[in-house]
Amino acid sequence: EQSRQKSFGYDDVVRRAKELGEQPFDSEGLV
């Protein structure tokens, strides 16, 4: 619906992994 200013790529996944790693592990939603 809306174009992104930057193409999605590996840097986006790395950013999400770092943000995820800074938080406690969450098992909610895995059932």
PDB file of all heavy atoms in Angstrom:
ATOM      1  N   GLU A   1       0.816  -1.196   0.000  1.00  0.00           N
ATOM      2  CA  GLU A   1       0.000   0.000   0.000  1.00  0.00           C
ATOM      3  C   GLU A   1       0.854   1.251   0.000  1.00  0.00           C
ATOM      4  O   GLU A   1       0.499   2.266  -0.590  1.00  0.00           O
ATOM      5  CB  GLU A   1      -0.911  -0.021   1.235  1.00  0.00           C
ATOM      6  CG  GLU A   1      -1.924  -1.157   1.208  1.00  0.00           C
ATOM      7  CD  GLU A   1      -2.753  -1.200   2.470  1.00  0.00           C
ATOM      8  OE1 GLU A   1      -2.446  -0.420   3.402  1.00  0.00           O
ATOM      9  OE2 GLU A   1      -3.695  -2.001   2.548  1.00  0.00           O
ATOM     10  N   GLN A   2       2.005   1.189   0.697  1.00  0.00           N
ATOM     11  CA  GLN A   2       2.893   2.343   0.755  1.00  0.00           C
ATOM     12  C   GLN A   2       4.301   1.873   0.454  1.00  0.00           C
ATOM     13  O   GLN A   2       4.758   0.864   0.986  1.00  0.00           O
ATOM     14  CB  GLN A   2       2.850   3.000   2.136  1.00  0.00           C
ATOM     15  CG  GLN A   2       1.486   3.568   2.497  1.00  0.00           C
ATOM     16  CD  GLN A   2       1.498   4.189   3.879  1.00  0.00           C
ATOM     17  OE1 GLN A   2       2.473   4.066   4.616  1.00  0.00           O
ATOM     18  NE2 GLN A   2       0.422   4.869   4.220  1.00  0.00           N
ATOM     19  N   SER A   3       4.982   2.576  -0.424  1.00  0.00           N
ATOM     20  CA  SER A   3       6.355   2.201  -0.763  1.00  0.00           C
ATOM     21  C   SER A   3       7.285   2.597   0.369  1.00  0.00           C
ATOM     22  O   SER A   3       7.077   3.588   1.058  1.00  0.00           O
ATOM     23  CB  SER A   3       6.782   2.894  -2.060  1.00  0.00           C
ATOM     24  OG  SER A   3       6.721   4.296  -1.898  1.00  0.00           O
ATOM     25  N   ARG A   4       8.315   1.787   0.551  1.00  0.00           N
ATOM     26  CA  ARG A   4       9.303   2.065   1.585  1.00  0.00           C
ATOM     27  C   ARG A   4      10.393   2.965   1.017  1.00  0.00           C
ATOM     28  O   ARG A   4      10.702   2.921  -0.162  1.00  0.00           O
ATOM     29  CB  ARG A   4       9.921   0.757   2.089  1.00  0.00           C
ATOM     30  CG  ARG A   4       8.945  -0.133   2.827  1.00  0.00           C
ATOM     31  CD  ARG A   4       9.597  -1.488   3.092  1.00  0.00           C
ATOM     32  NE  ARG A   4      10.832  -1.364   3.842  1.00  0.00           N
ATOM     33  CZ  ARG A   4      10.910  -1.505   5.158  1.00  0.00           C
ATOM     34  NH1 ARG A   4       9.834  -1.759   5.853  1.00  0.00           N
ATOM     35  NH2 ARG A   4      12.063  -1.390   5.784  1.00  0.00           N
ATOM     36  N   GLN A   5      10.971   3.777   1.882  1.00  0.00           N
ATOM     37  CA  GLN A   5      12.054   4.624   1.429  1.00  0.00           C
ATOM     38  C   GLN A   5      13.307   3.816   1.159  1.00  0.00           C
ATOM     39  O   GLN A   5      14.129   4.198   0.345  1.00  0.00           O
ATOM     40  CB  GLN A   5      12.335   5.698   2.488  1.00  0.00           C
ATOM     41  CG  GLN A   5      11.184   6.690   2.690  1.00  0.00           C
ATOM     42  CD  GLN A   5      11.527   7.757   3.714  1.00  0.00           C
ATOM     43  OE1 GLN A   5      12.550   7.689   4.382  1.00  0.00           O
ATOM     44  NE2 GLN A   5      10.660   8.752   3.834  1.00  0.00           N
ATOM     45  N   LYS A   6      13.448   2.670   1.826  1.00  0.00           N
ATOM     46  CA  LYS A   6      14.633   1.851   1.681  1.00  0.00           C
ATOM     47  C   LYS A   6      14.209   0.406   1.519  1.00  0.00           C
ATOM     48  O   LYS A   6      13.296  -0.064   2.181  1.00  0.00           O
ATOM     49  CB  LYS A   6      15.531   2.003   2.920  1.00  0.00           C
ATOM     50  CG  LYS A   6      16.785   1.158   2.882  1.00  0.00           C
ATOM     51  CD  LYS A   6      17.555   1.313   4.185  1.00  0.00           C
ATOM     52  CE  LYS A   6      18.781   0.398   4.202  1.00  0.00           C
ATOM     53  NZ  LYS A   6      19.512   0.489   5.494  1.00  0.00           N
ATOM     54  N   SER A   7      14.872  -0.311   0.610  1.00  0.00           N
ATOM     55  CA  SER A   7      14.535  -1.701   0.374  1.00  0.00           C
ATOM     56  C   SER A   7      14.858  -2.542   1.605  1.00  0.00           C
ATOM     57  O   SER A   7      15.895  -2.360   2.246  1.00  0.00           O
ATOM     58  CB  SER A   7      15.311  -2.241  -0.836  1.00  0.00           C
ATOM     59  OG  SER A   7      14.923  -1.565  -2.007  1.00  0.00           O
ATOM     60  N   PHE A   8      13.953  -3.476   1.922  1.00  0.00           N
ATOM     61  CA  PHE A   8      14.172  -4.370   3.041  1.00  0.00           C
ATOM     62  C   PHE A   8      15.351  -5.287   2.735  1.00  0.00           C
ATOM     63  O   PHE A   8      15.460  -5.846   1.641  1.00  0.00           O
ATOM     64  CB  PHE A   8      12.917  -5.207   3.290  1.00  0.00           C
ATOM     65  CG  PHE A   8      13.000  -6.085   4.503  1.00  0.00           C
ATOM     66  CD1 PHE A   8      12.555  -5.640   5.736  1.00  0.00           C
ATOM     67  CD2 PHE A   8      13.548  -7.360   4.423  1.00  0.00           C
ATOM     68  CE1 PHE A   8      12.633  -6.450   6.857  1.00  0.00           C
ATOM     69  CE2 PHE A   8      13.633  -8.175   5.530  1.00  0.00           C
ATOM     70  CZ  PHE A   8      13.173  -7.722   6.753  1.00  0.00           C
ATOM     71  N   GLY A   9      16.244  -5.471   3.720  1.00  0.00           N
ATOM     72  CA  GLY A   9      17.422  -6.306   3.499  1.00  0.00           C
ATOM     73  C   GLY A   9      17.975  -6.845   4.805  1.00  0.00           C
ATOM     74  O   GLY A   9      17.332  -6.765   5.870  1.00  0.00           O
ATOM     75  N   TYR A  10      19.188  -7.354   4.733  1.00  0.00           N
ATOM     76  CA  TYR A  10      19.783  -8.019   5.890  1.00  0.00           C
ATOM     77  C   TYR A  10      19.969  -7.071   7.067  1.00  0.00           C
ATOM     78  O   TYR A  10      19.797  -7.465   8.226  1.00  0.00           O
ATOM     79  CB  TYR A  10      21.119  -8.644   5.490  1.00  0.00           C
ATOM     80  CG  TYR A  10      21.760  -9.461   6.588  1.00  0.00           C
ATOM     81  CD1 TYR A  10      21.071 -10.503   7.197  1.00  0.00           C
ATOM     82  CD2 TYR A  10      23.060  -9.194   7.020  1.00  0.00           C
ATOM     83  CE1 TYR A  10      21.654 -11.255   8.206  1.00  0.00           C
ATOM     84  CE2 TYR A  10      23.645  -9.953   8.019  1.00  0.00           C
ATOM     85  CZ  TYR A  10      22.943 -10.980   8.610  1.00  0.00           C
ATOM     86  OH  TYR A  10      23.515 -11.723   9.607  1.00  0.00           O
ATOM     87  N   ASP A  11      20.296  -5.825   6.800  1.00  0.00           N
ATOM     88  CA  ASP A  11      20.484  -4.862   7.882  1.00  0.00           C
ATOM     89  C   ASP A  11      19.219  -4.717   8.719  1.00  0.00           C
ATOM     90  O   ASP A  11      19.294  -4.518   9.943  1.00  0.00           O
ATOM     91  CB  ASP A  11      20.902  -3.501   7.329  1.00  0.00           C
ATOM     92  CG  ASP A  11      22.325  -3.511   6.785  1.00  0.00           C
ATOM     93  OD1 ASP A  11      23.073  -4.440   7.126  1.00  0.00           O
ATOM     94  OD2 ASP A  11      22.675  -2.602   6.015  1.00  0.00           O
ATOM     95  N   ASP A  12      18.057  -4.828   8.071  1.00  0.00           N
ATOM     96  CA  ASP A  12      16.798  -4.736   8.819  1.00  0.00           C
ATOM     97  C   ASP A  12      16.624  -5.928   9.751  1.00  0.00           C
ATOM     98  O   ASP A  12      16.130  -5.782  10.877  1.00  0.00           O
ATOM     99  CB  ASP A  12      15.620  -4.671   7.837  1.00  0.00           C
ATOM    100  CG  ASP A  12      15.644  -3.428   6.984  1.00  0.00           C
ATOM    101  OD1 ASP A  12      15.200  -2.367   7.461  1.00  0.00           O
ATOM    102  OD2 ASP A  12      16.139  -3.509   5.843  1.00  0.00           O
ATOM    103  N   VAL A  13      17.021  -7.116   9.297  1.00  0.00           N
ATOM    104  CA  VAL A  13      16.901  -8.310  10.131  1.00  0.00           C
ATOM    105  C   VAL A  13      17.888  -8.234  11.293  1.00  0.00           C
ATOM    106  O   VAL A  13      17.561  -8.610  12.427  1.00  0.00           O
ATOM    107  CB  VAL A  13      17.130  -9.583   9.297  1.00  0.00           C
ATOM    108  CG1 VAL A  13      16.861 -10.834  10.144  1.00  0.00           C
ATOM    109  CG2 VAL A  13      16.239  -9.598   8.063  1.00  0.00           C
ATOM    110  N   VAL A  14      19.095  -7.736  11.029  1.00  0.00           N
ATOM    111  CA  VAL A  14      20.088  -7.586  12.101  1.00  0.00           C
ATOM    112  C   VAL A  14      19.576  -6.618  13.158  1.00  0.00           C
ATOM    113  O   VAL A  14      19.704  -6.860  14.367  1.00  0.00           O
ATOM    114  CB  VAL A  14      21.435  -7.100  11.517  1.00  0.00           C
ATOM    115  CG1 VAL A  14      22.395  -6.729  12.646  1.00  0.00           C
ATOM    116  CG2 VAL A  14      22.042  -8.170  10.630  1.00  0.00           C
ATOM    117  N   ARG A  15      18.992  -5.510  12.716  1.00  0.00           N
ATOM    118  CA  ARG A  15      18.451  -4.538  13.679  1.00  0.00           C
ATOM    119  C   ARG A  15      17.394  -5.189  14.555  1.00  0.00           C
ATOM    120  O   ARG A  15      17.374  -5.010  15.777  1.00  0.00           O
ATOM    121  CB  ARG A  15      17.864  -3.341  12.921  1.00  0.00           C
ATOM    122  CG  ARG A  15      17.119  -2.362  13.810  1.00  0.00           C
ATOM    123  CD  ARG A  15      16.554  -1.199  13.005  1.00  0.00           C
ATOM    124  NE  ARG A  15      15.710  -1.636  11.911  1.00  0.00           N
ATOM    125  CZ  ARG A  15      14.435  -2.019  12.056  1.00  0.00           C
ATOM    126  NH1 ARG A  15      13.879  -2.000  13.261  1.00  0.00           N
ATOM    127  NH2 ARG A  15      13.733  -2.371  11.005  1.00  0.00           N
ATOM    128  N   ARG A  16      16.499  -5.966  13.945  1.00  0.00           N
ATOM    129  CA  ARG A  16      15.449  -6.623  14.715  1.00  0.00           C
ATOM    130  C   ARG A  16      16.031  -7.659  15.680  1.00  0.00           C
ATOM    131  O   ARG A  16      15.543  -7.812  16.797  1.00  0.00           O
ATOM    132  CB  ARG A  16      14.442  -7.283  13.763  1.00  0.00           C
ATOM    133  CG  ARG A  16      13.730  -6.300  12.871  1.00  0.00           C
ATOM    134  CD  ARG A  16      12.720  -6.956  11.960  1.00  0.00           C
ATOM    135  NE  ARG A  16      12.156  -5.979  11.034  1.00  0.00           N
ATOM    136  CZ  ARG A  16      11.016  -6.136  10.390  1.00  0.00           C
ATOM    137  NH1 ARG A  16      10.305  -7.244  10.580  1.00  0.00           N
ATOM    138  NH2 ARG A  16      10.570  -5.220   9.566  1.00  0.00           N
ATOM    139  N   ALA A  17      17.071  -8.374  15.222  1.00  0.00           N
ATOM    140  CA  ALA A  17      17.694  -9.369  16.107  1.00  0.00           C
ATOM    141  C   ALA A  17      18.336  -8.696  17.314  1.00  0.00           C
ATOM    142  O   ALA A  17      18.241  -9.200  18.446  1.00  0.00           O
ATOM    143  CB  ALA A  17      18.729 -10.166  15.327  1.00  0.00           C
ATOM    144  N   LYS A  18      18.986  -7.560  17.111  1.00  0.00           N
ATOM    145  CA  LYS A  18      19.602  -6.850  18.225  1.00  0.00           C
ATOM    146  C   LYS A  18      18.538  -6.349  19.196  1.00  0.00           C
ATOM    147  O   LYS A  18      18.701  -6.433  20.417  1.00  0.00           O
ATOM    148  CB  LYS A  18      20.451  -5.690  17.704  1.00  0.00           C
ATOM    149  CG  LYS A  18      21.720  -6.140  16.973  1.00  0.00           C
ATOM    150  CD  LYS A  18      22.514  -4.948  16.467  1.00  0.00           C
ATOM    151  CE  LYS A  18      23.797  -5.407  15.780  1.00  0.00           C
ATOM    152  NZ  LYS A  18      24.590  -4.250  15.253  1.00  0.00           N
ATOM    153  N   GLU A  19      17.448  -5.821  18.667  1.00  0.00           N
ATOM    154  CA  GLU A  19      16.368  -5.346  19.534  1.00  0.00           C
ATOM    155  C   GLU A  19      15.735  -6.510  20.291  1.00  0.00           C
ATOM    156  O   GLU A  19      15.409  -6.395  21.474  1.00  0.00           O
ATOM    157  CB  GLU A  19      15.315  -4.618  18.699  1.00  0.00           C
ATOM    158  CG  GLU A  19      15.820  -3.319  18.092  1.00  0.00           C
ATOM    159  CD  GLU A  19      14.817  -2.685  17.133  1.00  0.00           C
ATOM    160  OE1 GLU A  19      13.747  -3.317  16.900  1.00  0.00           O
ATOM    161  OE2 GLU A  19      15.092  -1.594  16.610  1.00  0.00           O
ATOM    162  N   LEU A  20      15.579  -7.634  19.602  1.00  0.00           N
ATOM    163  CA  LEU A  20      15.002  -8.812  20.241  1.00  0.00           C
ATOM    164  C   LEU A  20      15.926  -9.338  21.337  1.00  0.00           C
ATOM    165  O   LEU A  20      15.482  -9.741  22.415  1.00  0.00           O
ATOM    166  CB  LEU A  20      14.756  -9.889  19.185  1.00  0.00           C
ATOM    167  CG  LEU A  20      13.851 -11.068  19.557  1.00  0.00           C
ATOM    168  CD1 LEU A  20      12.450 -10.595  19.919  1.00  0.00           C
ATOM    169  CD2 LEU A  20      13.801 -12.057  18.402  1.00  0.00           C
ATOM    170  N   GLY A  21      17.248  -9.338  21.054  1.00  0.00           N
ATOM    171  CA  GLY A  21      18.216  -9.834  22.017  1.00  0.00           C
ATOM    172  C   GLY A  21      18.342  -8.988  23.261  1.00  0.00           C
ATOM    173  O   GLY A  21      18.804  -9.462  24.311  1.00  0.00           O
ATOM    174  N   GLU A  22      17.940  -7.721  23.169  1.00  0.00           N
ATOM    175  CA  GLU A  22      17.985  -6.837  24.330  1.00  0.00           C
ATOM    176  C   GLU A  22      16.817  -7.072  25.279  1.00  0.00           C
ATOM    177  O   GLU A  22      16.826  -6.582  26.411  1.00  0.00           O
ATOM    178  CB  GLU A  22      17.987  -5.375  23.867  1.00  0.00           C
ATOM    179  CG  GLU A  22      19.269  -4.964  23.155  1.00  0.00           C
ATOM    180  CD  GLU A  22      19.174  -3.568  22.577  1.00  0.00           C
ATOM    181  OE1 GLU A  22      18.056  -2.990  22.652  1.00  0.00           O
ATOM    182  OE2 GLU A  22      20.181  -3.060  22.056  1.00  0.00           O
ATOM    183  N   GLN A  23      15.808  -7.817  24.826  1.00  0.00           N
ATOM    184  CA  GLN A  23      14.630  -8.072  25.635  1.00  0.00           C
ATOM    185  C   GLN A  23      14.681  -9.483  26.209  1.00  0.00           C
ATOM    186  O   GLN A  23      15.308 -10.361  25.639  1.00  0.00           O
ATOM    187  CB  GLN A  23      13.363  -7.915  24.792  1.00  0.00           C
ATOM    188  CG  GLN A  23      13.246  -6.580  24.079  1.00  0.00           C
ATOM    189  CD  GLN A  23      12.165  -6.612  23.014  1.00  0.00           C
ATOM    190  OE1 GLN A  23      11.327  -7.498  22.989  1.00  0.00           O
ATOM    191  NE2 GLN A  23      12.207  -5.638  22.120  1.00  0.00           N
ATOM    192  N   PRO A  24      14.004  -9.726  27.332  1.00  0.00           N
ATOM    193  CA  PRO A  24      13.901 -11.098  27.822  1.00  0.00           C
ATOM    194  C   PRO A  24      13.168 -11.963  26.808  1.00  0.00           C
ATOM    195  O   PRO A  24      12.305 -11.485  26.069  1.00  0.00           O
ATOM    196  CB  PRO A  24      13.087 -10.952  29.117  1.00  0.00           C
ATOM    197  CG  PRO A  24      13.209  -9.515  29.495  1.00  0.00           C
ATOM    198  CD  PRO A  24      13.365  -8.747  28.222  1.00  0.00           C
ATOM    199  N   PHE A  25      13.513 -13.240  26.767  1.00  0.00           N
ATOM    200  CA  PHE A  25      12.848 -14.166  25.851  1.00  0.00           C
ATOM    201  C   PHE A  25      11.358 -14.240  26.169  1.00  0.00           C
ATOM    202  O   PHE A  25      10.964 -14.319  27.335  1.00  0.00           O
ATOM    203  CB  PHE A  25      13.462 -15.554  25.956  1.00  0.00           C
ATOM    204  CG  PHE A  25      12.757 -16.585  25.123  1.00  0.00           C
ATOM    205  CD1 PHE A  25      12.893 -16.594  23.754  1.00  0.00           C
ATOM    206  CD2 PHE A  25      11.946 -17.540  25.719  1.00  0.00           C
ATOM    207  CE1 PHE A  25      12.238 -17.530  22.973  1.00  0.00           C
ATOM    208  CE2 PHE A  25      11.284 -18.492  24.963  1.00  0.00           C
ATOM    209  CZ  PHE A  25      11.439 -18.491  23.575  1.00  0.00           C
ATOM    210  N   ASP A  26      10.532 -14.195  25.138  1.00  0.00           N
ATOM    211  CA  ASP A  26       9.083 -14.209  25.312  1.00  0.00           C
ATOM    212  C   ASP A  26       8.505 -15.414  24.580  1.00  0.00           C
ATOM    213  O   ASP A  26       8.607 -15.511  23.356  1.00  0.00           O
ATOM    214  CB  ASP A  26       8.488 -12.914  24.754  1.00  0.00           C
ATOM    215  CG  ASP A  26       6.976 -12.860  24.905  1.00  0.00           C
ATOM    216  OD1 ASP A  26       6.442 -13.646  25.711  1.00  0.00           O
ATOM    217  OD2 ASP A  26       6.345 -12.038  24.210  1.00  0.00           O
ATOM    218  N   SER A  27       7.918 -16.340  25.309  1.00  0.00           N
ATOM    219  CA  SER A  27       7.317 -17.536  24.708  1.00  0.00           C
ATOM    220  C   SER A  27       5.845 -17.350  24.387  1.00  0.00           C
ATOM    221  O   SER A  27       5.220 -18.241  23.804  1.00  0.00           O
ATOM    222  CB  SER A  27       7.478 -18.735  25.650  1.00  0.00           C
ATOM    223  OG  SER A  27       6.819 -18.494  26.879  1.00  0.00           O
ATOM    224  N   GLU A  28       5.283 -16.201  24.754  1.00  0.00           N
ATOM    225  CA  GLU A  28       3.871 -15.957  24.477  1.00  0.00           C
ATOM    226  C   GLU A  28       3.646 -15.885  22.973  1.00  0.00           C
ATOM    227  O   GLU A  28       4.439 -15.328  22.222  1.00  0.00           O
ATOM    228  CB  GLU A  28       3.421 -14.652  25.136  1.00  0.00           C
ATOM    229  CG  GLU A  28       1.918 -14.412  25.047  1.00  0.00           C
ATOM    230  CD  GLU A  28       1.520 -13.109  25.738  1.00  0.00           C
ATOM    231  OE1 GLU A  28       2.362 -12.576  26.479  1.00  0.00           O
ATOM    232  OE2 GLU A  28       0.397 -12.651  25.527  1.00  0.00           O
ATOM    233  N   GLY A  29       2.566 -16.441  22.498  1.00  0.00           N
ATOM    234  CA  GLY A  29       2.270 -16.420  21.072  1.00  0.00           C
ATOM    235  C   GLY A  29       2.838 -17.591  20.308  1.00  0.00           C
ATOM    236  O   GLY A  29       2.660 -17.689  19.098  1.00  0.00           O
ATOM    237  N   LEU A  30       3.543 -18.504  21.017  1.00  0.00           N
ATOM    238  CA  LEU A  30       4.135 -19.658  20.343  1.00  0.00           C
ATOM    239  C   LEU A  30       3.236 -20.888  20.394  1.00  0.00           C
ATOM    240  O   LEU A  30       3.592 -21.935  19.877  1.00  0.00           O
ATOM    241  CB  LEU A  30       5.497 -19.991  20.971  1.00  0.00           C
ATOM    242  CG  LEU A  30       6.564 -18.904  20.858  1.00  0.00           C
ATOM    243  CD1 LEU A  30       7.842 -19.343  21.557  1.00  0.00           C
ATOM    244  CD2 LEU A  30       6.840 -18.567  19.394  1.00  0.00           C
ATOM    245  N   VAL A  31       2.088 -20.766  21.039  1.00  0.00           N
ATOM    246  CA  VAL A  31       1.160 -21.893  21.163  1.00  0.00           C
ATOM    247  C   VAL A  31       0.202 -21.884  19.975  1.00  0.00           C
ATOM    248  O   VAL A  31      -0.433 -20.862  19.691  1.00  0.00           O
ATOM    249  CB  VAL A  31       0.377 -21.820  22.488  1.00  0.00           C
ATOM    250  CG1 VAL A  31      -0.600 -22.990  22.589  1.00  0.00           C
ATOM    251  CG2 VAL A  31       1.335 -21.819  23.669  1.00  0.00           C
TER     252      VAL A  31
END
